[in-house]
Amino acid sequence: MKLKNVLIVVKNIERSRQFYRDLFGLEMILDNDGNMILTEGLVLQEEKYWKAFLGKEIIPENNSCELYFEESDIEGFIEKLETYDPEVKYVNRLMTHSWGQKVIRFYDPDGNLIEVGTPM
């Protein structure tokens, strides 16, 4: 068995597709009416379908998991991030862990937590 994809819930699938393309270079592989597969195994699921399936409310910014990306040019990424429209909500600005890795954390437009760090 192997992990195939990671699915996140989004309110506006087109806005999220653009966000992940513009900032991370992820491209659409398949658009299946409210369920979109992007490169690197990320799946976007429209909130209305997820709520209907689960029968529960979606809780943005619940901080129970994060998407982790690595970027060797972290300063260049931060420049791109800071000029992105709409503005992102930061959890923490660029920091350096005790082991030397630089990281930044922020939310995507739907409150999904993202961390970008330098390669280890």
N, C-alpha and C. Protein backbone atom coordinates (compact mmCIF):
# COMPACT_ATOMS: atom_id res chain seq x y z
N MET A 1 0.84 -1.17 0.00
CA MET A 1 0.00 0.00 0.00
C MET A 1 0.89 1.24 0.00
N LYS A 2 0.41 2.31 -0.65
CA LYS A 2 1.15 3.56 -0.63
C LYS A 2 0.18 4.73 -0.58
N LEU A 3 0.63 5.81 0.03
CA LEU A 3 -0.16 7.03 0.07
C LEU A 3 -0.16 7.64 -1.32
N LYS A 4 -1.33 7.90 -1.86
CA LYS A 4 -1.45 8.37 -3.23
C LYS A 4 -1.61 9.88 -3.31
N ASN A 5 -2.49 10.46 -2.48
CA ASN A 5 -2.78 11.88 -2.53
C ASN A 5 -3.05 12.42 -1.14
N VAL A 6 -3.01 13.76 -1.04
CA VAL A 6 -3.47 14.48 0.14
C VAL A 6 -4.56 15.42 -0.33
N LEU A 7 -5.72 15.37 0.32
CA LEU A 7 -6.87 16.18 -0.07
C LEU A 7 -7.08 17.29 0.94
N ILE A 8 -7.31 18.51 0.42
CA ILE A 8 -7.67 19.63 1.28
C ILE A 8 -9.00 20.20 0.78
N VAL A 9 -9.75 20.76 1.70
CA VAL A 9 -11.06 21.33 1.40
C VAL A 9 -10.90 22.81 1.12
N VAL A 10 -11.56 23.27 0.04
CA VAL A 10 -11.48 24.67 -0.38
C VAL A 10 -12.87 25.19 -0.72
N LYS A 11 -13.08 26.48 -0.52
CA LYS A 11 -14.37 27.09 -0.85
C LYS A 11 -14.49 27.36 -2.34
N ASN A 12 -13.42 27.83 -2.96
CA ASN A 12 -13.43 28.21 -4.37
C ASN A 12 -12.28 27.48 -5.05
N ILE A 13 -12.61 26.44 -5.79
CA ILE A 13 -11.57 25.56 -6.34
C ILE A 13 -10.69 26.28 -7.36
N GLU A 14 -11.25 27.19 -8.13
CA GLU A 14 -10.45 27.92 -9.12
C GLU A 14 -9.47 28.88 -8.44
N ARG A 15 -9.92 29.56 -7.40
CA ARG A 15 -9.04 30.46 -6.64
C ARG A 15 -7.89 29.66 -6.03
N SER A 16 -8.19 28.49 -5.48
CA SER A 16 -7.17 27.64 -4.88
C SER A 16 -6.22 27.08 -5.92
N ARG A 17 -6.73 26.69 -7.07
CA ARG A 17 -5.86 26.19 -8.14
C ARG A 17 -4.85 27.26 -8.53
N GLN A 18 -5.34 28.49 -8.67
CA GLN A 18 -4.46 29.61 -9.03
C GLN A 18 -3.43 29.87 -7.93
N PHE A 19 -3.85 29.84 -6.67
CA PHE A 19 -2.95 30.05 -5.54
C PHE A 19 -1.80 29.04 -5.56
N TYR A 20 -2.12 27.75 -5.70
CA TYR A 20 -1.09 26.72 -5.67
C TYR A 20 -0.25 26.71 -6.94
N ARG A 21 -0.80 27.16 -8.06
CA ARG A 21 -0.01 27.30 -9.28
C ARG A 21 0.95 28.48 -9.16
N ASP A 22 0.43 29.64 -8.76
CA ASP A 22 1.23 30.86 -8.71
C ASP A 22 2.37 30.78 -7.69
N LEU A 23 2.11 30.24 -6.52
CA LEU A 23 3.12 30.21 -5.46
C LEU A 23 3.99 28.96 -5.45
N PHE A 24 3.44 27.83 -5.88
CA PHE A 24 4.17 26.56 -5.75
C PHE A 24 4.43 25.86 -7.08
N GLY A 25 3.88 26.40 -8.16
CA GLY A 25 4.10 25.80 -9.47
C GLY A 25 3.33 24.52 -9.71
N LEU A 26 2.32 24.24 -8.90
CA LEU A 26 1.53 23.02 -9.09
C LEU A 26 0.55 23.22 -10.25
N GLU A 27 0.46 22.23 -11.09
CA GLU A 27 -0.42 22.29 -12.27
C GLU A 27 -1.56 21.28 -12.12
N MET A 28 -2.66 21.57 -12.77
CA MET A 28 -3.82 20.69 -12.73
C MET A 28 -3.56 19.45 -13.59
N ILE A 29 -3.86 18.30 -13.04
CA ILE A 29 -3.79 17.04 -13.77
C ILE A 29 -5.18 16.63 -14.22
N LEU A 30 -6.16 16.78 -13.31
CA LEU A 30 -7.52 16.34 -13.59
C LEU A 30 -8.51 17.24 -12.89
N ASP A 31 -9.53 17.68 -13.61
CA ASP A 31 -10.62 18.47 -13.03
C ASP A 31 -11.87 17.61 -13.13
N ASN A 32 -12.36 17.19 -11.98
CA ASN A 32 -13.49 16.26 -11.94
C ASN A 32 -14.66 16.88 -11.18
N ASP A 33 -15.14 18.04 -11.63
CA ASP A 33 -16.33 18.68 -11.08
C ASP A 33 -16.32 18.78 -9.56
N GLY A 34 -15.51 19.69 -9.05
CA GLY A 34 -15.44 19.90 -7.60
C GLY A 34 -14.36 19.12 -6.91
N ASN A 35 -13.60 18.35 -7.68
CA ASN A 35 -12.48 17.57 -7.16
C ASN A 35 -11.36 17.69 -8.18
N MET A 36 -10.29 18.37 -7.80
CA MET A 36 -9.22 18.66 -8.75
C MET A 36 -7.90 18.10 -8.24
N ILE A 37 -7.23 17.33 -9.09
CA ILE A 37 -5.93 16.77 -8.74
C ILE A 37 -4.85 17.65 -9.34
N LEU A 38 -3.91 18.06 -8.49
CA LEU A 38 -2.77 18.86 -8.93
C LEU A 38 -1.51 18.00 -8.90
N THR A 39 -0.47 18.48 -9.55
CA THR A 39 0.81 17.77 -9.49
C THR A 39 1.28 17.69 -8.05
N GLU A 40 2.20 16.81 -7.79
CA GLU A 40 2.75 16.54 -6.46
C GLU A 40 1.74 15.86 -5.53
N GLY A 41 0.58 15.44 -6.06
CA GLY A 41 -0.37 14.67 -5.26
C GLY A 41 -1.34 15.47 -4.42
N LEU A 42 -1.43 16.77 -4.65
CA LEU A 42 -2.39 17.58 -3.89
C LEU A 42 -3.75 17.56 -4.58
N VAL A 43 -4.79 17.28 -3.81
CA VAL A 43 -6.15 17.26 -4.33
C VAL A 43 -6.95 18.37 -3.65
N LEU A 44 -7.66 19.15 -4.46
CA LEU A 44 -8.55 20.19 -3.96
C LEU A 44 -9.97 19.67 -4.05
N GLN A 45 -10.70 19.75 -2.96
CA GLN A 45 -12.10 19.30 -2.91
C GLN A 45 -12.97 20.49 -2.51
N GLU A 46 -13.98 20.81 -3.33
CA GLU A 46 -14.87 21.92 -2.98
C GLU A 46 -15.63 21.62 -1.70
N GLU A 47 -15.69 22.63 -0.85
CA GLU A 47 -16.29 22.49 0.47
C GLU A 47 -17.72 21.96 0.42
N LYS A 48 -18.53 22.40 -0.52
CA LYS A 48 -19.94 21.96 -0.55
C LYS A 48 -20.06 20.45 -0.71
N TYR A 49 -19.17 19.84 -1.49
CA TYR A 49 -19.21 18.39 -1.66
C TYR A 49 -18.72 17.67 -0.40
N TRP A 50 -17.69 18.21 0.19
CA TRP A 50 -17.12 17.61 1.40
C TRP A 50 -18.13 17.66 2.55
N LYS A 51 -18.80 18.82 2.71
CA LYS A 51 -19.81 18.97 3.76
C LYS A 51 -20.96 18.00 3.54
N ALA A 52 -21.39 17.84 2.29
CA ALA A 52 -22.48 16.91 1.99
C ALA A 52 -22.07 15.48 2.29
N PHE A 53 -20.84 15.14 1.99
CA PHE A 53 -20.33 13.79 2.23
C PHE A 53 -20.21 13.50 3.72
N LEU A 54 -19.62 14.44 4.47
CA LEU A 54 -19.39 14.24 5.90
C LEU A 54 -20.60 14.54 6.77
N GLY A 55 -21.40 15.51 6.32
CA GLY A 55 -22.51 15.96 7.15
C GLY A 55 -22.05 16.78 8.34
N LYS A 56 -20.87 17.41 8.22
CA LYS A 56 -20.31 18.20 9.31
C LYS A 56 -19.78 19.52 8.75
N GLU A 57 -19.61 20.48 9.64
CA GLU A 57 -19.05 21.76 9.25
C GLU A 57 -17.53 21.65 9.09
N ILE A 58 -17.00 22.48 8.21
CA ILE A 58 -15.57 22.55 7.99
C ILE A 58 -15.01 23.65 8.91
N ILE A 59 -13.90 23.38 9.55
CA ILE A 59 -13.31 24.34 10.49
C ILE A 59 -11.99 24.85 9.92
N PRO A 60 -11.99 26.06 9.31
CA PRO A 60 -10.74 26.61 8.79
C PRO A 60 -9.77 26.96 9.93
N GLU A 61 -8.49 27.00 9.60
CA GLU A 61 -7.44 27.33 10.55
C GLU A 61 -7.51 26.47 11.80
N ASN A 62 -7.80 25.18 11.62
CA ASN A 62 -7.89 24.29 12.79
C ASN A 62 -6.52 23.80 13.24
N ASN A 63 -5.48 24.06 12.44
CA ASN A 63 -4.10 23.76 12.82
C ASN A 63 -3.85 22.31 13.18
N SER A 64 -4.61 21.39 12.61
CA SER A 64 -4.43 19.98 12.93
C SER A 64 -3.48 19.27 11.97
N CYS A 65 -3.13 19.93 10.86
CA CYS A 65 -2.16 19.38 9.93
C CYS A 65 -1.62 20.52 9.07
N GLU A 66 -0.57 20.24 8.32
CA GLU A 66 -0.03 21.27 7.44
C GLU A 66 0.50 20.63 6.16
N LEU A 67 0.54 21.43 5.11
CA LEU A 67 1.22 21.05 3.88
C LEU A 67 2.64 21.57 4.01
N TYR A 68 3.63 20.72 3.75
CA TYR A 68 5.02 21.11 3.91
C TYR A 68 5.71 21.10 2.54
N PHE A 69 6.33 22.22 2.21
CA PHE A 69 7.09 22.37 0.98
C PHE A 69 8.52 22.74 1.34
N GLU A 70 9.47 22.36 0.48
CA GLU A 70 10.85 22.79 0.65
C GLU A 70 11.24 23.70 -0.50
N GLU A 71 12.02 24.73 -0.16
CA GLU A 71 12.46 25.71 -1.15
C GLU A 71 13.86 26.18 -0.78
N SER A 72 14.83 25.96 -1.66
CA SER A 72 16.20 26.37 -1.36
C SER A 72 16.36 27.89 -1.41
N ASP A 73 15.59 28.58 -2.27
CA ASP A 73 15.63 30.04 -2.33
C ASP A 73 14.47 30.60 -1.51
N ILE A 74 14.55 30.44 -0.21
CA ILE A 74 13.44 30.84 0.67
C ILE A 74 13.21 32.35 0.63
N GLU A 75 14.27 33.14 0.51
CA GLU A 75 14.10 34.59 0.45
C GLU A 75 13.37 35.00 -0.82
N GLY A 76 13.69 34.36 -1.95
CA GLY A 76 12.98 34.61 -3.21
C GLY A 76 11.52 34.23 -3.11
N PHE A 77 11.24 33.09 -2.45
CA PHE A 77 9.86 32.67 -2.25
C PHE A 77 9.11 33.69 -1.41
N ILE A 78 9.73 34.19 -0.35
CA ILE A 78 9.08 35.16 0.53
C ILE A 78 8.76 36.45 -0.23
N GLU A 79 9.65 36.88 -1.13
CA GLU A 79 9.36 38.05 -1.96
C GLU A 79 8.10 37.82 -2.78
N LYS A 80 7.99 36.64 -3.38
CA LYS A 80 6.80 36.30 -4.18
C LYS A 80 5.56 36.26 -3.28
N LEU A 81 5.71 35.68 -2.11
CA LEU A 81 4.60 35.55 -1.17
C LEU A 81 4.10 36.91 -0.70
N GLU A 82 5.03 37.82 -0.42
CA GLU A 82 4.64 39.13 0.11
C GLU A 82 3.97 40.02 -0.92
N THR A 83 4.15 39.73 -2.20
CA THR A 83 3.48 40.53 -3.23
C THR A 83 2.24 39.83 -3.77
N TYR A 84 1.93 38.64 -3.23
CA TYR A 84 0.78 37.89 -3.73
C TYR A 84 -0.51 38.59 -3.34
N ASP A 85 -1.46 38.60 -4.25
CA ASP A 85 -2.77 39.20 -4.02
C ASP A 85 -3.82 38.13 -4.22
N PRO A 86 -4.64 37.83 -3.24
CA PRO A 86 -4.80 38.54 -1.98
C PRO A 86 -3.70 38.19 -0.97
N GLU A 87 -3.51 39.08 -0.04
CA GLU A 87 -2.48 38.93 0.98
C GLU A 87 -2.73 37.67 1.80
N VAL A 88 -1.65 36.97 2.14
CA VAL A 88 -1.78 35.76 2.95
C VAL A 88 -1.73 36.12 4.43
N LYS A 89 -2.30 35.24 5.23
CA LYS A 89 -2.29 35.39 6.68
C LYS A 89 -1.14 34.54 7.23
N TYR A 90 -0.18 35.18 7.89
CA TYR A 90 1.00 34.48 8.41
C TYR A 90 0.72 33.87 9.78
N VAL A 91 1.30 32.71 10.01
CA VAL A 91 1.35 32.10 11.33
C VAL A 91 2.66 32.53 11.98
N ASN A 92 3.75 32.42 11.23
CA ASN A 92 5.02 33.00 11.66
C ASN A 92 5.79 33.44 10.43
N ARG A 93 6.48 34.56 10.58
CA ARG A 93 7.37 35.04 9.52
C ARG A 93 8.62 34.17 9.52
N LEU A 94 9.52 34.45 8.62
CA LEU A 94 10.72 33.64 8.48
C LEU A 94 11.46 33.54 9.82
N MET A 95 11.74 32.32 10.19
CA MET A 95 12.47 32.05 11.43
C MET A 95 13.48 30.95 11.15
N THR A 96 14.45 30.81 12.02
CA THR A 96 15.45 29.75 11.90
C THR A 96 15.36 28.86 13.13
N HIS A 97 15.12 27.56 12.88
CA HIS A 97 15.08 26.59 13.98
C HIS A 97 16.48 26.38 14.54
N SER A 98 16.55 25.80 15.73
CA SER A 98 17.84 25.55 16.39
C SER A 98 18.74 24.64 15.55
N TRP A 99 18.18 23.82 14.68
CA TRP A 99 18.98 22.93 13.84
C TRP A 99 19.39 23.58 12.53
N GLY A 100 19.04 24.89 12.34
CA GLY A 100 19.52 25.65 11.20
C GLY A 100 18.55 25.79 10.03
N GLN A 101 17.44 25.09 10.07
CA GLN A 101 16.48 25.18 8.98
C GLN A 101 15.66 26.47 9.09
N LYS A 102 15.53 27.18 7.95
CA LYS A 102 14.68 28.37 7.89
C LYS A 102 13.29 27.95 7.45
N VAL A 103 12.25 28.49 8.13
CA VAL A 103 10.87 28.15 7.79
C VAL A 103 9.96 29.37 7.90
N ILE A 104 8.88 29.30 7.19
CA ILE A 104 7.80 30.29 7.28
C ILE A 104 6.49 29.52 7.23
N ARG A 105 5.50 29.97 7.99
CA ARG A 105 4.20 29.31 8.00
C ARG A 105 3.10 30.34 7.75
N PHE A 106 2.10 29.92 6.99
CA PHE A 106 0.98 30.79 6.65
C PHE A 106 -0.20 29.93 6.23
N TYR A 107 -1.35 30.57 6.05
CA TYR A 107 -2.56 29.86 5.62
C TYR A 107 -2.83 30.11 4.14
N ASP A 108 -3.38 29.10 3.50
CA ASP A 108 -3.88 29.32 2.14
C ASP A 108 -5.21 30.08 2.25
N PRO A 109 -5.85 30.44 1.14
CA PRO A 109 -7.09 31.24 1.22
C PRO A 109 -8.23 30.58 2.02
N ASP A 110 -8.13 29.27 2.26
CA ASP A 110 -9.19 28.57 2.99
C ASP A 110 -8.79 28.15 4.39
N GLY A 111 -7.66 28.64 4.87
CA GLY A 111 -7.25 28.33 6.24
C GLY A 111 -6.49 27.03 6.38
N ASN A 112 -6.01 26.46 5.28
CA ASN A 112 -5.16 25.28 5.36
C ASN A 112 -3.75 25.74 5.66
N LEU A 113 -3.12 25.16 6.67
CA LEU A 113 -1.80 25.57 7.13
C LEU A 113 -0.71 25.07 6.17
N ILE A 114 0.21 25.97 5.83
CA ILE A 114 1.32 25.65 4.94
C ILE A 114 2.62 26.04 5.63
N GLU A 115 3.61 25.18 5.50
CA GLU A 115 4.96 25.49 5.95
C GLU A 115 5.89 25.37 4.74
N VAL A 116 6.76 26.35 4.58
CA VAL A 116 7.81 26.27 3.56
C VAL A 116 9.13 26.39 4.30
N GLY A 117 10.00 25.41 4.06
CA GLY A 117 11.29 25.41 4.73
C GLY A 117 12.43 25.14 3.76
N THR A 118 13.61 25.50 4.18
CA THR A 118 14.79 25.18 3.37
C THR A 118 15.05 23.68 3.49
N PRO A 119 15.63 23.08 2.45
CA PRO A 119 15.90 21.64 2.50
C PRO A 119 16.81 21.27 3.67
N MET A 120 16.57 20.10 4.21
CA MET A 120 17.36 19.59 5.34
C MET A 120 18.50 18.74 4.81
